[in-house]
Protein backbone atom coordinates (compact mmCIF):
# COMPACT_ATOMS: atom_id res chain seq x y z
CA PRO A 1 0.00 0.00 0.00
CA ALA A 2 1.03 3.55 -0.74
CA PRO A 3 2.41 5.43 2.27
CA ARG A 4 -0.13 7.79 3.98
CA ALA A 5 0.56 11.47 3.33
CA GLN A 6 1.76 13.38 6.35
CA PRO A 7 -0.29 16.47 7.32
CA ARG A 8 1.39 19.77 6.60
CA PRO A 9 2.37 21.70 9.74
CA ARG A 10 0.12 24.71 10.51
CA GLU A 11 1.87 27.96 9.80
CA ARG A 12 2.09 30.50 12.59
CA PRO A 13 1.48 34.17 11.78
CA SER A 14 4.67 36.10 11.57
CA PRO A 15 5.39 38.69 14.25
CA SER A 16 5.19 41.44 11.63
CA LEU A 17 1.63 40.42 10.70
CA GLY A 18 0.58 40.47 14.38
CA VAL A 19 1.97 43.96 14.81
CA ALA A 20 0.06 45.12 11.74
CA MET A 21 -3.22 43.64 12.99
CA ASP A 22 -2.72 45.28 16.41
CA ALA A 23 -1.99 48.62 14.75
CA GLN A 24 -5.34 48.48 12.98
CA GLN A 25 -7.07 48.28 16.40
CA ARG A 26 -5.56 51.54 17.64
CA VAL A 27 -6.03 55.22 16.94
CA ARG A 28 -3.78 58.18 17.67
CA CYS A 29 -5.33 60.57 20.20
CA ARG A 30 -4.33 63.90 21.67
CA LEU A 31 -5.61 64.33 25.25
CA VAL A 32 -6.46 67.93 26.23
CA THR A 33 -8.15 69.48 29.27
CA ARG A 34 -8.97 72.89 30.75
CA PHE A 35 -8.05 71.70 34.25
CA ALA A 36 -4.38 72.36 34.99
CA ASP A 37 -4.29 69.84 37.85
CA TYR A 38 -5.06 66.99 35.44
CA ALA A 39 -3.16 68.16 32.34
CA VAL A 40 -0.87 65.79 30.41
CA ALA A 41 1.51 66.29 27.52
CA ASP A 42 -0.38 66.97 24.29
CA THR A 43 1.80 64.52 22.33
CA PRO A 44 -0.49 62.09 20.45
CA ILE A 45 -0.52 58.54 21.78
CA ALA A 46 -1.92 55.34 20.24
CA LEU A 47 -4.94 54.07 22.16
CA PRO A 48 -6.87 50.81 21.64
CA LEU A 49 -10.23 51.35 19.93
CA ARG A 50 -11.89 49.04 22.46
CA LEU A 51 -11.39 51.54 25.29
CA GLY A 52 -14.36 53.41 26.74
CA ARG A 53 -14.61 55.94 29.56
CA PRO A 54 -13.23 53.60 32.30
CA GLY A 55 -10.24 52.55 30.22
CA LEU A 56 -9.47 56.08 29.08
CA SER A 57 -9.71 57.25 32.70
CA GLU A 58 -7.10 54.62 33.62
CA VAL A 59 -4.84 56.00 30.88
CA VAL A 60 -5.15 59.58 32.16
CA ASN A 61 -4.62 58.54 35.78
CA HIS A 62 -1.50 56.65 34.73
CA LEU A 63 -0.15 59.65 32.84
CA ILE A 64 -0.72 62.07 35.72
CA GLY A 65 0.62 59.59 38.28
CA SER A 66 -2.50 59.20 40.43
CA PRO A 67 -1.96 56.94 43.48
CA GLU A 68 -3.80 53.63 43.46
CA GLY A 69 -6.37 54.65 46.07
CA ALA A 70 -7.04 58.13 44.71
CA LYS A 71 -7.80 57.63 41.05
CA GLN A 72 -10.15 60.15 39.47
CA PRO A 73 -12.83 59.12 36.95
CA PHE A 74 -13.06 61.35 33.88
CA GLU A 75 -15.54 62.23 31.16
CA PHE A 76 -14.41 62.58 27.53
CA ILE A 77 -15.70 64.62 24.59
CA LEU A 78 -15.12 63.66 20.96
CA GLU A 79 -16.32 66.03 18.25
CA GLY A 80 -18.59 67.88 20.68
CA ALA A 81 -20.34 64.74 21.99
CA LEU A 82 -19.85 62.93 25.28
CA LEU A 83 -18.08 59.61 24.88
CA GLN A 84 -20.52 57.06 26.30
CA THR A 85 -19.44 54.04 24.22
CA SER A 86 -16.12 52.60 23.08
CA LEU A 87 -13.75 54.64 20.91
CA ARG A 88 -14.54 52.32 18.00
CA LYS A 89 -18.29 53.04 18.11
CA ALA A 90 -17.76 56.75 18.73
CA VAL A 91 -15.41 57.07 15.76
CA ALA A 92 -17.90 55.24 13.54
CA ALA A 93 -20.82 57.36 14.77
CA ALA A 94 -18.92 60.58 14.09
CA LYS A 95 -17.84 59.25 10.66
CA LEU A 96 -14.18 59.76 11.46
CA THR A 97 -11.18 57.83 10.21
CA THR A 98 -8.72 56.01 12.43
CA GLU A 99 -5.89 57.26 10.23
CA ALA A 100 -6.28 60.81 11.55
CA THR A 101 -5.24 62.05 14.99
CA LEU A 102 -8.29 62.54 17.23
CA THR A 103 -8.62 65.18 19.93
CA LEU A 104 -10.21 63.98 23.18
CA GLU A 105 -11.13 66.63 25.73
CA TYR A 106 -11.44 65.31 29.28
CA PHE A 107 -12.53 66.65 32.65
CA PRO A 108 -13.34 65.24 36.12
CA ALA A 109 -16.49 63.14 36.20
CA LEU A 110 -19.53 64.24 38.16
CA ARG A 111 -19.73 63.34 41.83
CA VAL A 112 -23.02 63.53 43.74
CA SER A 113 -23.01 63.54 47.54
CA PRO A 114 -25.49 61.42 49.55
CA PRO A 115 -28.78 63.33 49.80
CA ALA A 116 -29.77 65.20 52.94
CA SER A 117 -33.45 65.95 53.52
CA ARG A 118 -35.61 67.80 55.99
CA PRO A 119 -38.98 66.31 57.04
CA SER A 120 -41.79 68.74 56.38
CA PRO A 121 -45.51 69.15 57.10
CA PRO A 122 -47.84 66.61 55.43
CA SER A 123 -48.41 68.67 52.27
CA TRP A 124 -46.81 68.25 48.88
CA ALA A 125 -43.82 70.39 47.89
CA THR A 126 -45.27 71.59 44.59
CA ALA A 127 -42.82 74.34 43.59
CA LEU A 128 -39.47 75.75 44.66
CA ALA A 129 -37.19 78.67 43.94
CA ALA A 130 -33.55 78.33 44.95
CA CYS A 131 -31.35 81.37 45.50
CA PRO A 132 -27.62 80.67 45.04
CA GLY A 133 -25.19 82.89 46.91
CA SER A 134 -24.45 83.72 50.51
CA PRO A 135 -26.53 83.07 52.46
CA ALA A 136 -28.01 80.32 50.30
CA ARG A 137 -31.78 79.92 50.67
CA ALA A 138 -34.64 78.06 49.03
CA PHE A 139 -38.37 78.85 49.02
CA VAL A 140 -40.86 75.99 48.79
CA GLY A 141 -44.54 76.32 47.88
CA ARG A 142 -46.92 73.66 49.15
CA SER A 143 -50.23 72.10 48.27
CA ASP A 144 -51.91 73.57 51.37
CA GLY A 145 -51.21 77.14 50.19
CA SER A 146 -48.21 77.65 52.48
CA LEU A 147 -44.74 78.99 51.72
CA ALA A 148 -41.56 77.95 53.55
CA ALA A 149 -38.06 79.43 53.57
CA PHE A 150 -35.04 77.14 54.14
CA SER A 151 -31.35 77.75 54.56
CA THR A 152 -29.48 75.33 52.32
CA PRO A 153 -26.03 74.36 53.64
CA ALA A 154 -24.02 71.69 51.90
CA PRO A 155 -24.75 68.04 52.83
CA PRO A 156 -24.49 66.12 55.07
CA GLU A 157 -26.19 69.01 56.87
CA ALA A 158 -29.89 69.05 55.95
CA PRO A 159 -31.83 72.14 54.87
CA SER A 160 -33.03 74.13 57.88
CA LEU A 161 -36.49 75.73 58.12
CA GLU A 162 -36.19 79.48 58.77
CA ALA A 163 -39.72 80.78 58.29
CA SER A 164 -43.14 79.76 57.01
CA ALA A 165 -46.44 81.46 56.25
CA ARG A 166 -49.67 80.77 54.42
CA PRO A 167 -50.23 83.41 51.74
CA HIS A 168 -52.85 81.40 49.84
CA ALA A 169 -56.00 79.43 50.58
CA HIS A 170 -55.36 76.96 47.75
CA PRO A 171 -52.29 75.08 46.46
CA VAL A 172 -49.22 77.01 45.41
CA ARG A 173 -48.30 76.18 41.80
CA GLY A 174 -45.35 78.45 41.11
CA VAL A 175 -42.59 80.18 43.10
CA ALA A 176 -40.01 82.75 41.99
CA ALA A 177 -37.55 84.79 44.05
CA THR A 178 -35.30 87.83 43.79
CA GLY A 179 -32.96 89.20 46.43
CA ALA A 180 -35.67 90.94 48.47
CA TRP A 181 -38.91 89.33 47.32
CA VAL A 182 -40.50 85.95 46.81
CA PHE A 183 -43.52 85.54 44.51
CA THR A 184 -46.10 82.76 44.63
CA ALA A 185 -48.79 81.75 42.12
CA SER A 186 -51.80 79.82 43.35
CA LYS A 187 -54.94 77.96 42.38
CA ASP A 188 -56.88 80.70 44.21
CA PHE A 189 -56.43 82.90 41.05
CA THR A 190 -53.95 85.24 42.78
CA VAL A 191 -50.25 86.10 42.87
CA VAL A 192 -48.66 87.16 46.17
CA GLN A 193 -45.47 89.17 46.69
CA SER A 194 -43.87 88.48 50.08
CA GLU A 195 -40.78 89.70 51.89
CA ALA A 196 -37.97 87.20 51.39
CA SER A 197 -36.66 87.76 54.91
CA THR A 198 -39.91 87.27 56.85
CA LEU A 199 -42.40 85.89 54.28
CA ALA A 200 -44.81 88.67 55.26
CA THR A 201 -47.30 89.29 52.45
CA ARG A 202 -46.91 92.79 51.00
CA VAL A 203 -48.77 92.73 47.66
CA ARG A 204 -51.65 90.63 46.37
CA TYR A 205 -52.32 90.69 42.62
CA VAL A 206 -55.94 89.85 41.78
CA GLY A 207 -58.41 90.47 38.99
CA PRO A 208 -57.69 89.37 35.39
CA HIS A 209 -57.07 85.67 36.00
CA ARG A 210 -60.19 83.55 35.68
CA SER A 211 -58.32 80.29 36.21
CA GLY A 212 -55.76 79.08 38.70
CA VAL A 213 -52.41 80.85 38.33
CA GLU A 214 -49.76 78.29 37.39
CA ARG A 215 -46.51 80.26 37.05
CA VAL A 216 -44.99 83.60 38.03
CA ALA A 217 -41.77 85.30 36.83
CA PRO A 218 -40.25 88.70 37.73
CA ALA A 219 -38.70 90.48 34.74
CA GLY A 220 -36.76 93.28 36.44
CA GLU A 221 -37.40 97.04 36.51
CA GLY A 222 -40.49 96.47 38.65
CA LEU A 223 -42.26 94.24 36.10
CA LEU A 224 -43.89 90.90 36.94
CA TYR A 225 -45.51 88.25 34.71
CA SER A 226 -48.04 85.59 35.69
CA ALA A 227 -49.62 82.78 33.66
CA ASP A 228 -52.74 80.70 34.33
CA GLY A 229 -54.51 77.49 33.43
CA ALA A 230 -56.52 79.15 30.66
CA GLY A 231 -53.43 80.12 28.66
CA VAL A 232 -53.50 83.79 29.72
CA VAL A 233 -50.38 85.83 30.60
CA CYS A 234 -50.68 89.01 32.67
CA LEU A 235 -48.09 91.77 32.99
CA TRP A 236 -48.06 93.62 36.32
CA ARG A 237 -46.21 96.66 37.58
CA MET A 238 -45.05 96.22 41.17
CA PRO A 239 -46.12 98.96 43.60
CA GLY A 240 -42.96 100.87 44.47
CA GLY A 241 -40.98 99.00 41.79
CA GLU A 242 -38.14 96.76 42.92
CA GLU A 243 -38.14 98.44 46.34
CA GLY A 244 -41.73 97.38 46.96
CA PRO A 245 -44.53 99.24 48.73
CA PRO A 246 -43.69 101.27 51.85
CA GLY A 247 -44.56 99.59 55.15
CA ASP A 248 -47.08 101.52 57.21
CA GLY A 249 -47.39 99.05 60.05
CA GLY A 250 -51.03 98.28 59.37
CA GLY A 251 -52.89 95.39 57.78
CA ASP A 252 -52.93 91.76 58.60
CA GLY A 253 -49.85 90.66 56.69
CA GLY A 254 -51.93 88.87 54.06
CA ASP A 255 -52.26 85.69 56.12
CA HIS A 256 -55.47 84.77 54.27
CA GLY A 257 -57.13 83.29 57.32
CA ALA A 258 -54.32 81.02 58.46
CA PRO A 259 -51.69 81.81 61.12
CA ALA A 260 -48.04 81.90 60.15
CA ALA A 261 -46.13 78.93 61.48
CA ALA A 262 -42.98 80.95 62.02
CA VAL A 263 -41.45 84.29 61.15
CA LYS A 264 -37.94 85.69 61.12
CA ARG A 265 -36.55 85.89 64.63
CA SER A 266 -35.50 89.50 64.11
CA ARG A 267 -39.12 90.67 64.01
CA THR A 268 -40.21 92.09 67.33
CA ALA A 269 -42.85 89.99 69.05
CA GLY A 270 -46.26 91.61 68.88
CA ALA A 271 -45.21 94.25 66.34
CA PRO A 272 -47.84 94.89 63.63
CA ALA A 273 -47.13 93.41 60.20
CA PRO A 274 -46.85 95.73 57.18
CA ALA A 275 -50.07 96.43 55.30
CA THR A 276 -50.95 94.36 52.24
CA VAL A 277 -51.41 96.29 49.01
CA GLU A 278 -53.96 94.88 46.56
CA VAL A 279 -53.41 95.35 42.84
CA ARG A 280 -56.41 94.66 40.59
CA ASP A 281 -55.40 96.17 37.24
CA ALA A 282 -52.80 94.42 35.10
CA GLU A 283 -50.73 96.44 32.63
CA ARG A 284 -51.48 93.92 29.88
CA VAL A 285 -53.46 90.70 29.41
CA THR A 286 -52.50 88.31 26.59
CA ARG A 287 -54.02 85.03 25.42
CA ALA A 288 -50.74 83.19 24.81
CA HIS A 289 -51.89 79.56 24.49
CA GLN A 290 -55.05 77.55 23.99
CA GLN A 291 -54.36 75.37 27.01
CA SER A 292 -52.79 75.70 30.45
CA ILE A 293 -49.42 77.44 30.65
CA THR A 294 -46.99 75.26 32.59
CA GLY A 295 -43.72 77.11 32.02
CA LEU A 296 -42.85 80.83 32.21
CA TRP A 297 -39.58 82.75 32.01
CA ALA A 298 -39.28 86.51 31.65
CA SER A 299 -36.78 89.31 31.11
CA GLN A 300 -37.28 92.93 30.07
CA ARG A 301 -37.04 92.08 26.36
CA LYS A 302 -38.04 88.43 26.02
CA ILE A 303 -40.68 86.12 27.48
CA VAL A 304 -40.78 82.33 27.11
CA THR A 305 -43.92 80.26 27.70
CA ALA A 306 -44.63 76.51 27.56
CA SER A 307 -48.05 74.89 27.55
CA TRP A 308 -50.07 71.70 27.68
CA ASP A 309 -50.76 72.32 23.97
CA GLY A 310 -47.22 71.08 23.28
CA SER A 311 -45.76 74.39 22.15
CA VAL A 312 -42.94 76.55 23.50
CA LYS A 313 -43.07 80.21 22.46
CA VAL A 314 -40.55 83.03 22.56
CA TRP A 315 -42.19 86.48 22.83
CA ASP A 316 -41.04 90.00 22.15
CA ALA A 317 -41.96 91.71 25.43
CA GLU A 318 -42.35 95.19 23.97
CA ARG A 319 -44.50 94.20 20.97
CA ASP A 320 -46.36 91.45 22.87
CA GLU A 321 -45.83 89.17 19.91
CA ALA A 322 -44.65 85.58 19.57
CA VAL A 323 -41.50 85.67 17.41
CA THR A 324 -40.65 81.94 17.53
CA THR A 325 -42.87 78.91 18.16
CA PHE A 326 -41.52 75.42 18.80
CA ASN A 327 -44.01 72.55 18.52
CA SER A 328 -43.15 69.26 20.18
CA GLY A 329 -46.53 67.56 19.90
CA LYS A 330 -46.24 66.51 23.55
CA ALA A 331 -47.59 68.34 26.60
CA ALA A 332 -44.93 70.56 28.17
CA THR A 333 -44.63 70.73 31.97
CA SER A 334 -41.92 73.40 32.46
CA VAL A 335 -39.41 75.60 30.67
CA ASP A 336 -36.05 77.07 31.66
CA VAL A 337 -33.59 79.36 29.88
CA VAL A 338 -29.80 79.59 29.96
CA GLY A 339 -28.57 83.06 30.86
CA ALA A 340 -30.49 86.30 30.61
CA GLY A 341 -30.89 86.68 26.85
CA ALA A 342 -33.44 83.94 26.07
CA GLY A 343 -30.73 81.90 24.36
CA VAL A 344 -30.98 78.11 24.67
CA LEU A 345 -34.27 76.79 26.09
CA ALA A 346 -35.03 73.51 27.83
CA SER A 347 -38.58 72.19 28.23
CA SER A 348 -39.79 69.10 30.10
CA HIS A 349 -42.60 66.97 28.71
CA ALA A 350 -45.15 64.33 29.61
CA ASP A 351 -43.55 61.79 27.25
CA GLY A 352 -40.49 61.44 29.51
CA ARG A 353 -38.22 63.71 27.48
CA VAL A 354 -36.41 66.97 28.02
CA ARG A 355 -36.13 68.92 24.77
CA VAL A 356 -33.49 71.56 24.16
CA TRP A 357 -34.35 74.33 21.69
CA ASP A 358 -32.10 76.97 20.17
CA PRO A 359 -33.98 79.97 18.72
CA ARG A 360 -30.78 81.06 16.99
CA LEU A 361 -30.99 77.94 14.78
CA ALA A 362 -34.66 78.40 13.90
CA ALA A 363 -35.40 79.27 10.27
CA GLU A 364 -38.38 81.63 10.38
CA SER A 365 -40.98 79.71 12.45
CA ALA A 366 -39.57 76.19 11.96
CA ALA A 367 -38.89 74.23 15.14
CA VAL A 368 -35.29 73.23 15.73
CA VAL A 369 -34.61 70.65 18.43
CA ARG A 370 -31.00 70.76 19.49
CA ALA A 371 -31.41 67.66 21.68
CA ALA A 372 -34.16 65.36 22.94
CA LEU A 373 -32.97 63.75 26.16
CA ASP A 374 -34.80 60.55 27.09
CA CYS A 375 -35.52 60.17 30.82
CA GLY A 376 -37.63 57.00 30.63
CA ARG A 377 -41.35 56.38 30.67
CA ALA A 378 -42.33 58.65 33.55
CA TRP A 379 -43.46 62.24 33.07
CA VAL A 380 -40.78 64.86 33.61
CA SER A 381 -42.23 67.29 36.16
CA GLN A 382 -39.62 70.02 35.79
CA CYS A 383 -36.17 70.71 34.34
CA SER A 384 -33.62 73.28 35.49
CA TRP A 385 -30.32 74.44 33.98
CA SER A 386 -27.27 74.32 36.22
CA PRO A 387 -25.81 77.81 36.77
CA ARG A 388 -22.35 76.23 36.62
CA GLY A 389 -22.85 73.84 33.72
CA GLU A 390 -21.99 76.32 30.95
CA GLY A 391 -25.27 75.68 29.14
CA GLN A 392 -24.67 71.93 28.91
CA VAL A 393 -25.86 70.43 32.23
CA LEU A 394 -29.39 70.40 33.62
CA ALA A 395 -31.43 68.49 36.19
CA ALA A 396 -34.84 66.85 35.82
CA ALA A 397 -37.45 65.73 38.37
CA LEU A 398 -39.68 62.81 37.33
CA MET A 399 -43.08 61.58 38.43
CA ASP A 400 -41.58 58.18 39.29
CA GLY A 401 -39.73 59.85 42.18
CA SER A 402 -36.31 59.97 40.55
CA VAL A 403 -34.01 62.94 39.92
CA ARG A 404 -31.61 62.93 36.98
CA ILE A 405 -28.65 65.01 35.84
CA LEU A 406 -28.40 65.34 32.07
CA ASP A 407 -25.89 66.66 29.55
CA VAL A 408 -27.10 67.90 26.16
CA ARG A 409 -24.03 66.33 24.51
CA GLY A 410 -24.86 62.79 25.65
CA SER A 411 -27.76 60.39 25.25
CA ALA A 412 -27.50 58.78 28.71
CA PRO A 413 -27.94 60.61 32.06
CA LEU A 414 -24.79 61.61 33.92
CA ALA A 415 -26.36 60.58 37.22
CA VAL A 416 -29.66 59.02 38.31
CA GLU A 417 -31.01 59.05 41.86
CA GLU A 418 -33.78 56.47 41.89
CA GLY A 419 -36.30 56.85 44.71
CA ALA A 420 -35.19 60.38 45.54
CA HIS A 421 -38.78 60.89 46.71
CA GLU A 422 -41.41 58.45 47.95
CA GLY A 423 -44.00 59.16 45.31
CA ALA A 424 -43.49 61.86 42.69
CA ALA A 425 -40.62 64.33 42.37
CA LEU A 426 -42.48 67.54 41.51
CA CYS A 427 -39.90 70.32 41.42
CA VAL A 428 -36.15 70.80 41.04
CA GLY A 429 -33.66 73.66 41.17
CA TRP A 430 -30.05 74.64 41.85
CA GLY A 431 -28.91 76.52 44.95
CA GLY A 432 -26.13 76.64 47.52
CA GLU A 433 -23.47 79.28 47.97
CA ALA A 434 -21.65 78.14 44.83
CA GLY A 435 -24.71 77.09 42.83
CA ASN A 436 -23.72 73.41 43.03
CA LEU A 437 -26.48 72.24 45.39
CA LEU A 438 -29.22 70.29 43.60
CA LEU A 439 -32.59 70.64 45.38
CA SER A 440 -35.81 68.76 44.79
CA GLY A 441 -39.27 68.57 46.34
CA GLY A 442 -42.01 66.00 45.98
CA SER A 443 -45.28 64.48 47.06
CA ASP A 444 -43.55 63.06 50.16
CA SER A 445 -43.33 66.67 51.48
CA ARG A 446 -39.52 66.55 51.67
CA LEU A 447 -36.97 69.06 50.45
CA VAL A 448 -33.91 67.02 49.43
CA ALA A 449 -30.45 68.49 48.80
CA ARG A 450 -27.35 66.91 47.31
CA GLU A 451 -24.00 68.46 46.38
CA VAL A 452 -22.81 68.07 42.78
CA ALA A 453 -19.12 68.49 41.95
CA GLY A 454 -16.75 67.64 39.15
CA ARG A 455 -17.57 67.07 35.49
CA GLY A 456 -16.39 70.49 34.45
CA MET A 457 -18.89 72.24 36.75
CA ARG A 458 -17.43 75.71 37.19
């Protein structure tokens, strides 16, 4: 018989071929940052395409010589978008080539402290206005018509109740604050202007509203806007302007039939409260929407409104005319604006999304959505821009009780606090001396505070 053929030995890949295959799995990157403490040499280095945020953070920590127990997580931006996948997927999504040198900007990742909360009376916290600065305070409107003032130190110290009063007979739906005044909008068809230091009622605005007042917004120069459930916006002129009405020592302090729970300690016991001025005539009444207005922001030149009809409108305050209309098709629940010039807008919606609009990108009346941030299936009760997030970071309160921190450059939340409230999270805002304290209120009556640091928050 013929001899059986011997099998040929399997060839091993040459070392040069292995090096070539490995080179195809890498990309040259230049790492840059605005934070001098974490800066590295800007010489491009070859990084594996499989790396994501954790692996890239390890690279940066190695380059800056971080000790083993003190490594800092980082966030990365590629072509203006947060890196939330591997380099390979991000390069493909941005339609880049691995032959070019990529620039990755990095900064410290967000850190959220454990929440600190203050138990409150058994009434929902329906609205809040936080005042960053020193001293840092927050004003909370409640479903029983009361208003409470809290000092807001950084956690682990919980917010401390300073004063409370009951300016309304029905639920408070909106709260806004300036340095000297706090304004409340209520289902009793009225707006009340109270002293920020004592919560004593000084002005009650009544008359044009034929539906519960949902939102209130001071515009400066003694002007005040209010919006109701019928889609009507009223412009008021404050008595005495920004200084407010003179106190004559008379009146009942606008308690509306309910005793104040507490007042500022500096008020002399038994001293008469300042008189309450009643304003019945609005400067202007405008039918802005066909359904309830759920969001209101105002300055001297621009007004922004959001409504259950799914639209967000930018108004020229002098001409009383809508200059831009954004239509989402989904009921809006709040609106907030970055800065003072009605630049980038954020609106929360009942479909579980926060939409970011840029009027500067709108062609005539066409709606331009800069980003649609998905928060899940629950309604988003309110959204609020961070004063330190450079127009990129905002917070959202959801009806499922969670609070989320979002970035317009990424599709996934930066942080999620599930069960922040037992029930629904109804309101959210930023406070603290440095503007880095995230506050939220809900149907569990609690005001919850947590400190947010890192992630480029300036």
